[in-house]
PDB file of N, CA and C in Angstrom:
ATOM      1  N   MET A   1      85.634  50.467 -34.664  1.00  0.00           N
ATOM      2  CA  MET A   1      84.537  49.955 -35.430  1.00  0.00           C
ATOM      3  C   MET A   1      84.691  50.408 -36.887  1.00  0.00           C
ATOM      4  N   LYS A   2      84.602  49.476 -37.786  1.00  0.00           N
ATOM      5  CA  LYS A   2      84.712  49.775 -39.203  1.00  0.00           C
ATOM      6  C   LYS A   2      83.389  50.340 -39.716  1.00  0.00           C
ATOM      7  N   THR A   3      83.481  51.369 -40.536  1.00  0.00           N
ATOM      8  CA  THR A   3      82.279  51.937 -41.135  1.00  0.00           C
ATOM      9  C   THR A   3      82.398  51.875 -42.645  1.00  0.00           C
ATOM     10  N   ASN A   4      81.274  51.913 -43.292  1.00  0.00           N
ATOM     11  CA  ASN A   4      81.207  51.935 -44.739  1.00  0.00           C
ATOM     12  C   ASN A   4      80.332  53.103 -45.143  1.00  0.00           C
ATOM     13  N   LYS A   5      80.863  53.981 -45.973  1.00  0.00           N
ATOM     14  CA  LYS A   5      80.135  55.167 -46.386  1.00  0.00           C
ATOM     15  C   LYS A   5      79.601  54.997 -47.797  1.00  0.00           C
ATOM     16  N   VAL A   6      78.367  55.461 -47.986  1.00  0.00           N
ATOM     17  CA  VAL A   6      77.736  55.501 -49.294  1.00  0.00           C
ATOM     18  C   VAL A   6      77.354  56.950 -49.554  1.00  0.00           C
ATOM     19  N   VAL A   7      77.881  57.531 -50.636  1.00  0.00           N
ATOM     20  CA  VAL A   7      77.568  58.914 -50.980  1.00  0.00           C
ATOM     21  C   VAL A   7      76.159  58.962 -51.557  1.00  0.00           C
ATOM     22  N   LEU A   8      75.318  59.806 -50.973  1.00  0.00           N
ATOM     23  CA  LEU A   8      73.942  59.963 -51.427  1.00  0.00           C
ATOM     24  C   LEU A   8      73.801  61.113 -52.417  1.00  0.00           C
ATOM     25  N   THR A   9      74.396  62.252 -52.091  1.00  0.00           N
ATOM     26  CA  THR A   9      74.353  63.417 -52.971  1.00  0.00           C
ATOM     27  C   THR A   9      75.473  64.373 -52.581  1.00  0.00           C
ATOM     28  N   LYS A  10      75.836  65.241 -53.517  1.00  0.00           N
ATOM     29  CA  LYS A  10      76.927  66.196 -53.309  1.00  0.00           C
ATOM     30  C   LYS A  10      76.502  67.526 -53.924  1.00  0.00           C
ATOM     31  N   TRP A  11      76.881  68.650 -53.285  1.00  0.00           N
ATOM     32  CA  TRP A  11      76.535  69.961 -53.827  1.00  0.00           C
ATOM     33  C   TRP A  11      77.565  70.992 -53.404  1.00  0.00           C
ATOM     34  N   LEU A  12      77.547  72.097 -54.120  1.00  0.00           N
ATOM     35  CA  LEU A  12      78.386  73.242 -53.775  1.00  0.00           C
ATOM     36  C   LEU A  12      77.636  74.086 -52.760  1.00  0.00           C
ATOM     37  N   PRO A  13      78.235  74.364 -51.620  1.00  0.00           N
ATOM     38  CA  PRO A  13      77.531  75.170 -50.613  1.00  0.00           C
ATOM     39  C   PRO A  13      77.450  76.631 -51.041  1.00  0.00           C
ATOM     40  N   SER A  14      76.473  77.313 -50.490  1.00  0.00           N
ATOM     41  CA  SER A  14      76.356  78.754 -50.753  1.00  0.00           C
ATOM     42  C   SER A  14      77.420  79.481 -49.941  1.00  0.00           C
ATOM     43  N   GLU A  15      77.510  80.741 -50.147  1.00  0.00           N
ATOM     44  CA  GLU A  15      78.549  81.544 -49.496  1.00  0.00           C
ATOM     45  C   GLU A  15      78.296  81.786 -48.010  1.00  0.00           C
ATOM     46  N   GLY A  16      77.142  81.367 -47.495  1.00  0.00           N
ATOM     47  CA  GLY A  16      76.810  81.617 -46.096  1.00  0.00           C
ATOM     48  C   GLY A  16      77.644  80.788 -45.139  1.00  0.00           C
ATOM     49  N   GLU A  17      77.614  81.161 -43.896  1.00  0.00           N
ATOM     50  CA  GLU A  17      78.345  80.459 -42.853  1.00  0.00           C
ATOM     51  C   GLU A  17      77.667  79.145 -42.474  1.00  0.00           C
ATOM     52  N   TYR A  18      76.333  79.110 -42.567  1.00  0.00           N
ATOM     53  CA  TYR A  18      75.576  77.941 -42.163  1.00  0.00           C
ATOM     54  C   TYR A  18      75.333  77.035 -43.356  1.00  0.00           C
ATOM     55  N   ILE A  19      75.410  75.747 -43.134  1.00  0.00           N
ATOM     56  CA  ILE A  19      75.127  74.767 -44.178  1.00  0.00           C
ATOM     57  C   ILE A  19      73.723  74.240 -43.926  1.00  0.00           C
ATOM     58  N   GLU A  20      72.882  74.373 -44.919  1.00  0.00           N
ATOM     59  CA  GLU A  20      71.533  73.853 -44.812  1.00  0.00           C
ATOM     60  C   GLU A  20      71.360  72.735 -45.828  1.00  0.00           C
ATOM     61  N   ILE A  21      70.769  71.640 -45.376  1.00  0.00           N
ATOM     62  CA  ILE A  21      70.475  70.530 -46.270  1.00  0.00           C
ATOM     63  C   ILE A  21      69.102  70.784 -46.880  1.00  0.00           C
ATOM     64  N   ASP A  22      69.043  70.798 -48.189  1.00  0.00           N
ATOM     65  CA  ASP A  22      67.791  70.991 -48.911  1.00  0.00           C
ATOM     66  C   ASP A  22      67.100  69.626 -49.001  1.00  0.00           C
ATOM     67  N   TRP A  23      66.315  69.276 -47.965  1.00  0.00           N
ATOM     68  CA  TRP A  23      65.713  67.944 -47.894  1.00  0.00           C
ATOM     69  C   TRP A  23      64.795  67.634 -49.069  1.00  0.00           C
ATOM     70  N   PRO A  24      63.990  68.587 -49.561  1.00  0.00           N
ATOM     71  CA  PRO A  24      63.191  68.282 -50.750  1.00  0.00           C
ATOM     72  C   PRO A  24      64.069  67.922 -51.956  1.00  0.00           C
ATOM     73  N   LYS A  25      65.211  68.592 -52.097  1.00  0.00           N
ATOM     74  CA  LYS A  25      66.125  68.271 -53.199  1.00  0.00           C
ATOM     75  C   LYS A  25      66.756  66.889 -52.996  1.00  0.00           C
ATOM     76  N   VAL A  26      67.101  66.558 -51.749  1.00  0.00           N
ATOM     77  CA  VAL A  26      67.650  65.227 -51.455  1.00  0.00           C
ATOM     78  C   VAL A  26      66.606  64.166 -51.805  1.00  0.00           C
ATOM     79  N   GLN A  27      65.352  64.405 -51.405  1.00  0.00           N
ATOM     80  CA  GLN A  27      64.274  63.464 -51.740  1.00  0.00           C
ATOM     81  C   GLN A  27      64.141  63.295 -53.244  1.00  0.00           C
ATOM     82  N   LYS A  28      64.217  64.390 -53.961  1.00  0.00           N
ATOM     83  CA  LYS A  28      64.089  64.327 -55.416  1.00  0.00           C
ATOM     84  C   LYS A  28      65.285  63.583 -56.039  1.00  0.00           C
ATOM     85  N   THR A  29      66.466  63.776 -55.474  1.00  0.00           N
ATOM     86  CA  THR A  29      67.676  63.160 -56.012  1.00  0.00           C
ATOM     87  C   THR A  29      67.728  61.664 -55.752  1.00  0.00           C
ATOM     88  N   ILE A  30      67.486  61.244 -54.505  1.00  0.00           N
ATOM     89  CA  ILE A  30      67.636  59.814 -54.187  1.00  0.00           C
ATOM     90  C   ILE A  30      66.303  59.088 -54.084  1.00  0.00           C
ATOM     91  N   GLY A  31      65.209  59.836 -53.955  1.00  0.00           N
ATOM     92  CA  GLY A  31      63.884  59.235 -53.832  1.00  0.00           C
ATOM     93  C   GLY A  31      63.391  59.276 -52.399  1.00  0.00           C
ATOM     94  N   ARG A  32      62.105  59.529 -52.264  1.00  0.00           N
ATOM     95  CA  ARG A  32      61.499  59.657 -50.936  1.00  0.00           C
ATOM     96  C   ARG A  32      61.575  58.358 -50.143  1.00  0.00           C
ATOM     97  N   GLU A  33      61.231  57.240 -50.771  1.00  0.00           N
ATOM     98  CA  GLU A  33      61.271  55.946 -50.075  1.00  0.00           C
ATOM     99  C   GLU A  33      62.682  55.611 -49.617  1.00  0.00           C
ATOM    100  N   HIS A  34      63.660  55.928 -50.441  1.00  0.00           N
ATOM    101  CA  HIS A  34      65.066  55.687 -50.117  1.00  0.00           C
ATOM    102  C   HIS A  34      65.457  56.470 -48.856  1.00  0.00           C
ATOM    103  N   LEU A  35      65.151  57.764 -48.860  1.00  0.00           N
ATOM    104  CA  LEU A  35      65.481  58.610 -47.712  1.00  0.00           C
ATOM    105  C   LEU A  35      64.744  58.160 -46.460  1.00  0.00           C
ATOM    106  N   GLU A  36      63.451  57.870 -46.576  1.00  0.00           N
ATOM    107  CA  GLU A  36      62.681  57.430 -45.411  1.00  0.00           C
ATOM    108  C   GLU A  36      63.219  56.123 -44.855  1.00  0.00           C
ATOM    109  N   TRP A  37      63.623  55.201 -45.720  1.00  0.00           N
ATOM    110  CA  TRP A  37      64.205  53.938 -45.269  1.00  0.00           C
ATOM    111  C   TRP A  37      65.478  54.197 -44.461  1.00  0.00           C
ATOM    112  N   LEU A  38      66.340  55.070 -44.970  1.00  0.00           N
ATOM    113  CA  LEU A  38      67.578  55.395 -44.249  1.00  0.00           C
ATOM    114  C   LEU A  38      67.286  56.013 -42.887  1.00  0.00           C
ATOM    115  N   LEU A  39      66.321  56.917 -42.824  1.00  0.00           N
ATOM    116  CA  LEU A  39      66.001  57.591 -41.568  1.00  0.00           C
ATOM    117  C   LEU A  39      65.346  56.666 -40.544  1.00  0.00           C
ATOM    118  N   ARG A  40      64.732  55.576 -40.998  1.00  0.00           N
ATOM    119  CA  ARG A  40      64.098  54.619 -40.071  1.00  0.00           C
ATOM    120  C   ARG A  40      65.097  53.670 -39.413  1.00  0.00           C
ATOM    121  N   GLN A  41      66.310  53.595 -39.926  1.00  0.00           N
ATOM    122  CA  GLN A  41      67.273  52.639 -39.387  1.00  0.00           C
ATOM    123  C   GLN A  41      67.788  53.082 -38.018  1.00  0.00           C
ATOM    124  N   SER A  42      68.171  52.100 -37.235  1.00  0.00           N
ATOM    125  CA  SER A  42      68.726  52.376 -35.915  1.00  0.00           C
ATOM    126  C   SER A  42      70.023  53.171 -36.058  1.00  0.00           C
ATOM    127  N   LYS A  43      70.182  54.169 -35.221  1.00  0.00           N
ATOM    128  CA  LYS A  43      71.396  55.001 -35.269  1.00  0.00           C
ATOM    129  C   LYS A  43      72.645  54.205 -34.902  1.00  0.00           C
ATOM    130  N   SER A  44      72.471  53.049 -34.282  1.00  0.00           N
ATOM    131  CA  SER A  44      73.626  52.208 -33.976  1.00  0.00           C
ATOM    132  C   SER A  44      74.068  51.399 -35.196  1.00  0.00           C
ATOM    133  N   GLN A  45      73.233  51.389 -36.251  1.00  0.00           N
ATOM    134  CA  GLN A  45      73.564  50.638 -37.458  1.00  0.00           C
ATOM    135  C   GLN A  45      73.827  51.521 -38.671  1.00  0.00           C
ATOM    136  N   CYS A  46      73.205  52.706 -38.699  1.00  0.00           N
ATOM    137  CA  CYS A  46      73.339  53.574 -39.867  1.00  0.00           C
ATOM    138  C   CYS A  46      72.973  55.003 -39.484  1.00  0.00           C
ATOM    139  N   GLN A  47      73.762  55.959 -39.983  1.00  0.00           N
ATOM    140  CA  GLN A  47      73.451  57.364 -39.749  1.00  0.00           C
ATOM    141  C   GLN A  47      73.731  58.160 -41.012  1.00  0.00           C
ATOM    142  N   LEU A  48      72.965  59.217 -41.208  1.00  0.00           N
ATOM    143  CA  LEU A  48      73.259  60.155 -42.279  1.00  0.00           C
ATOM    144  C   LEU A  48      74.240  61.179 -41.731  1.00  0.00           C
ATOM    145  N   MET A  49      75.276  61.446 -42.502  1.00  0.00           N
ATOM    146  CA  MET A  49      76.328  62.355 -42.064  1.00  0.00           C
ATOM    147  C   MET A  49      76.551  63.410 -43.143  1.00  0.00           C
ATOM    148  N   LEU A  50      76.797  64.629 -42.725  1.00  0.00           N
ATOM    149  CA  LEU A  50      77.132  65.710 -43.634  1.00  0.00           C
ATOM    150  C   LEU A  50      78.637  65.935 -43.545  1.00  0.00           C
ATOM    151  N   GLU A  51      79.301  65.838 -44.688  1.00  0.00           N
ATOM    152  CA  GLU A  51      80.742  66.070 -44.736  1.00  0.00           C
ATOM    153  C   GLU A  51      80.989  67.295 -45.596  1.00  0.00           C
ATOM    154  N   ARG A  52      81.951  68.084 -45.198  1.00  0.00           N
ATOM    155  CA  ARG A  52      82.277  69.269 -45.990  1.00  0.00           C
ATOM    156  C   ARG A  52      83.783  69.389 -46.137  1.00  0.00           C
ATOM    157  N   ASN A  53      84.209  69.608 -47.379  1.00  0.00           N
ATOM    158  CA  ASN A  53      85.589  69.989 -47.609  1.00  0.00           C
ATOM    159  C   ASN A  53      85.580  71.410 -48.154  1.00  0.00           C
ATOM    160  N   ASP A  54      86.666  71.884 -48.695  1.00  0.00           N
ATOM    161  CA  ASP A  54      86.726  73.274 -49.157  1.00  0.00           C
ATOM    162  C   ASP A  54      85.735  73.584 -50.271  1.00  0.00           C
ATOM    163  N   MET A  55      85.426  72.611 -51.104  1.00  0.00           N
ATOM    164  CA  MET A  55      84.610  72.871 -52.290  1.00  0.00           C
ATOM    165  C   MET A  55      83.186  72.334 -52.204  1.00  0.00           C
ATOM    166  N   HIS A  56      82.980  71.165 -51.596  1.00  0.00           N
ATOM    167  CA  HIS A  56      81.697  70.475 -51.676  1.00  0.00           C
ATOM    168  C   HIS A  56      81.156  70.100 -50.300  1.00  0.00           C
ATOM    169  N   CYS A  57      79.840  69.995 -50.248  1.00  0.00           N
ATOM    170  CA  CYS A  57      79.156  69.350 -49.136  1.00  0.00           C
ATOM    171  C   CYS A  57      78.685  68.003 -49.667  1.00  0.00           C
ATOM    172  N   THR A  58      78.795  66.994 -48.855  1.00  0.00           N
ATOM    173  CA  THR A  58      78.406  65.652 -49.260  1.00  0.00           C
ATOM    174  C   THR A  58      77.547  65.038 -48.170  1.00  0.00           C
ATOM    175  N   LEU A  59      76.392  64.499 -48.565  1.00  0.00           N
ATOM    176  CA  LEU A  59      75.533  63.775 -47.644  1.00  0.00           C
ATOM    177  C   LEU A  59      75.811  62.295 -47.856  1.00  0.00           C
ATOM    178  N   VAL A  60      76.236  61.609 -46.796  1.00  0.00           N
ATOM    179  CA  VAL A  60      76.575  60.198 -46.898  1.00  0.00           C
ATOM    180  C   VAL A  60      75.774  59.394 -45.883  1.00  0.00           C
ATOM    181  N   ALA A  61      75.540  58.143 -46.218  1.00  0.00           N
ATOM    182  CA  ALA A  61      74.989  57.182 -45.264  1.00  0.00           C
ATOM    183  C   ALA A  61      76.187  56.407 -44.729  1.00  0.00           C
ATOM    184  N   ASP A  62      76.361  56.432 -43.438  1.00  0.00           N
ATOM    185  CA  ASP A  62      77.482  55.777 -42.773  1.00  0.00           C
ATOM    186  C   ASP A  62      76.947  54.515 -42.112  1.00  0.00           C
ATOM    187  N   PHE A  63      77.350  53.351 -42.624  1.00  0.00           N
ATOM    188  CA  PHE A  63      76.843  52.063 -42.140  1.00  0.00           C
ATOM    189  C   PHE A  63      77.840  51.434 -41.171  1.00  0.00           C
ATOM    190  N   TYR A  64      77.300  50.941 -40.044  1.00  0.00           N
ATOM    191  CA  TYR A  64      78.117  50.290 -39.026  1.00  0.00           C
ATOM    192  C   TYR A  64      77.851  48.794 -38.966  1.00  0.00           C
ATOM    193  N   ASP A  65      76.870  48.329 -39.713  1.00  0.00           N
ATOM    194  CA  ASP A  65      76.469  46.921 -39.697  1.00  0.00           C
ATOM    195  C   ASP A  65      76.559  46.370 -41.121  1.00  0.00           C
ATOM    196  N   GLU A  66      77.385  45.351 -41.311  1.00  0.00           N
ATOM    197  CA  GLU A  66      77.603  44.775 -42.648  1.00  0.00           C
ATOM    198  C   GLU A  66      76.326  44.201 -43.248  1.00  0.00           C
ATOM    199  N   ARG A  67      75.493  43.589 -42.424  1.00  0.00           N
ATOM    200  CA  ARG A  67      74.249  43.008 -42.945  1.00  0.00           C
ATOM    201  C   ARG A  67      73.304  44.093 -43.457  1.00  0.00           C
ATOM    202  N   LEU A  68      73.232  45.190 -42.729  1.00  0.00           N
ATOM    203  CA  LEU A  68      72.382  46.291 -43.174  1.00  0.00           C
ATOM    204  C   LEU A  68      72.938  46.918 -44.450  1.00  0.00           C
ATOM    205  N   LEU A  69      74.248  47.017 -44.551  1.00  0.00           N
ATOM    206  CA  LEU A  69      74.863  47.543 -45.769  1.00  0.00           C
ATOM    207  C   LEU A  69      74.543  46.649 -46.966  1.00  0.00           C
ATOM    208  N   THR A  70      74.599  45.346 -46.773  1.00  0.00           N
ATOM    209  CA  THR A  70      74.251  44.406 -47.840  1.00  0.00           C
ATOM    210  C   THR A  70      72.792  44.567 -48.232  1.00  0.00           C
ATOM    211  N   CYS A  71      71.921  44.673 -47.248  1.00  0.00           N
ATOM    212  CA  CYS A  71      70.498  44.894 -47.503  1.00  0.00           C
ATOM    213  C   CYS A  71      70.300  46.195 -48.268  1.00  0.00           C
ATOM    214  N   TYR A  72      70.998  47.232 -47.868  1.00  0.00           N
ATOM    215  CA  TYR A  72      70.909  48.527 -48.545  1.00  0.00           C
ATOM    216  C   TYR A  72      71.262  48.389 -50.024  1.00  0.00           C
ATOM    217  N   HIS A  73      72.385  47.728 -50.299  1.00  0.00           N
ATOM    218  CA  HIS A  73      72.816  47.574 -51.702  1.00  0.00           C
ATOM    219  C   HIS A  73      71.810  46.743 -52.511  1.00  0.00           C
ATOM    220  N   LEU A  74      71.213  45.752 -51.906  1.00  0.00           N
ATOM    221  CA  LEU A  74      70.231  44.954 -52.601  1.00  0.00           C
ATOM    222  C   LEU A  74      68.950  45.748 -52.907  1.00  0.00           C
ATOM    223  N   MET A  75      68.581  46.622 -51.974  1.00  0.00           N
ATOM    224  CA  MET A  75      67.352  47.398 -52.154  1.00  0.00           C
ATOM    225  C   MET A  75      67.543  48.620 -53.061  1.00  0.00           C
ATOM    226  N   TRP A  76      68.698  49.269 -52.962  1.00  0.00           N
ATOM    227  CA  TRP A  76      68.867  50.568 -53.609  1.00  0.00           C
ATOM    228  C   TRP A  76      70.017  50.590 -54.610  1.00  0.00           C
ATOM    229  N   ALA A  77      70.395  49.450 -55.158  1.00  0.00           N
ATOM    230  CA  ALA A  77      71.483  49.410 -56.145  1.00  0.00           C
ATOM    231  C   ALA A  77      71.134  50.270 -57.356  1.00  0.00           C
ATOM    232  N   LYS A  78      72.116  50.967 -57.844  1.00  0.00           N
ATOM    233  CA  LYS A  78      71.900  51.848 -59.017  1.00  0.00           C
ATOM    234  C   LYS A  78      72.563  51.256 -60.232  1.00  0.00           C
TER     235      LYS A  78
END
């Protein structure tokens, strides 16, 4: 299944072992309505994913449905 990722926000993790998502900061960065819309979508069509490499943590929306991705871009284009 082909997926399409949209980067929502990126940050440098703290030195701790656990990665915590600062949801109030995510809301402030992308907007509350934007985040709530993403969270309301069916998990079979879209999921929020946390990716980490050596330097950064990245919160992405992973879309599995092309129509929903198109709708997303129309609603939340920057």
